[in-house]
C-alpha cells in the first residue's frame, strides 16, 4: 500500500469512530451499517 492510501484509510477510520461516538452519546443510531 502507498503511504497516501494508508493516511486516507486512517483518516476515514478516525472520522467513522468520531461519528460513532457522537451517535452513541446522543442515543441509538437510526441506521446501523
C-alpha atoms as a PDB file:
ATOM      1  CA  UNK A   1       0.000   0.000   0.000  1.00  0.00           C
ATOM      2  CA  UNK A   2       1.084   3.559  -0.582  1.00  0.00           C
ATOM      3  CA  UNK A   3       1.665   5.965   2.267  1.00  0.00           C
ATOM      4  CA  UNK A   4      -1.118   8.193   0.946  1.00  0.00           C
ATOM      5  CA  UNK A   5      -3.582   5.286   0.869  1.00  0.00           C
ATOM      6  CA  UNK A   6      -2.712   4.393   4.455  1.00  0.00           C
ATOM      7  CA  UNK A   7      -3.165   8.015   5.562  1.00  0.00           C
ATOM      8  CA  UNK A   8      -6.554   8.239   3.830  1.00  0.00           C
ATOM      9  CA  UNK A   9      -7.721   4.959   5.368  1.00  0.00           C
ATOM     10  CA  UNK A  10      -6.631   6.055   8.844  1.00  0.00           C
ATOM     11  CA  UNK A  11      -8.418   9.372   8.435  1.00  0.00           C
ATOM     12  CA  UNK A  12     -11.613   7.627   7.293  1.00  0.00           C
ATOM     13  CA  UNK A  13     -11.496   5.261  10.271  1.00  0.00           C
ATOM     14  CA  UNK A  14     -10.985   8.162  12.664  1.00  0.00           C
ATOM     15  CA  UNK A  15     -13.959  10.014  11.154  1.00  0.00           C
ATOM     16  CA  UNK A  16     -16.195   6.951  11.450  1.00  0.00           C
ATOM     17  CA  UNK A  17     -15.035   6.442  15.033  1.00  0.00           C
ATOM     18  CA  UNK A  18     -15.874  10.019  15.996  1.00  0.00           C
ATOM     19  CA  UNK A  19     -19.289   9.788  14.333  1.00  0.00           C
ATOM     20  CA  UNK A  20     -19.985   6.513  16.171  1.00  0.00           C
ATOM     21  CA  UNK A  21     -19.092   8.133  19.491  1.00  0.00           C
ATOM     22  CA  UNK A  22     -21.431  11.049  18.749  1.00  0.00           C
ATOM     23  CA  UNK A  23     -24.382   8.803  17.897  1.00  0.00           C
ATOM     24  CA  UNK A  24     -23.686   6.527  20.864  1.00  0.00           C
ATOM     25  CA  UNK A  25     -23.738   9.531  23.199  1.00  0.00           C
ATOM     26  CA  UNK A  26     -26.909  11.011  21.688  1.00  0.00           C
ATOM     27  CA  UNK A  27     -28.708   7.666  21.538  1.00  0.00           C
ATOM     28  CA  UNK A  28     -29.056   4.508  19.468  1.00  0.00           C
ATOM     29  CA  UNK A  29     -28.109   5.025  15.786  1.00  0.00           C
ATOM     30  CA  UNK A  30     -31.032   5.178  13.393  1.00  0.00           C
ATOM     31  CA  UNK A  31     -29.187   3.209  10.704  1.00  0.00           C
ATOM     32  CA  UNK A  32     -26.600   0.563  11.506  1.00  0.00           C
ATOM     33  CA  UNK A  33     -24.210  -0.370   8.733  1.00  0.00           C
END
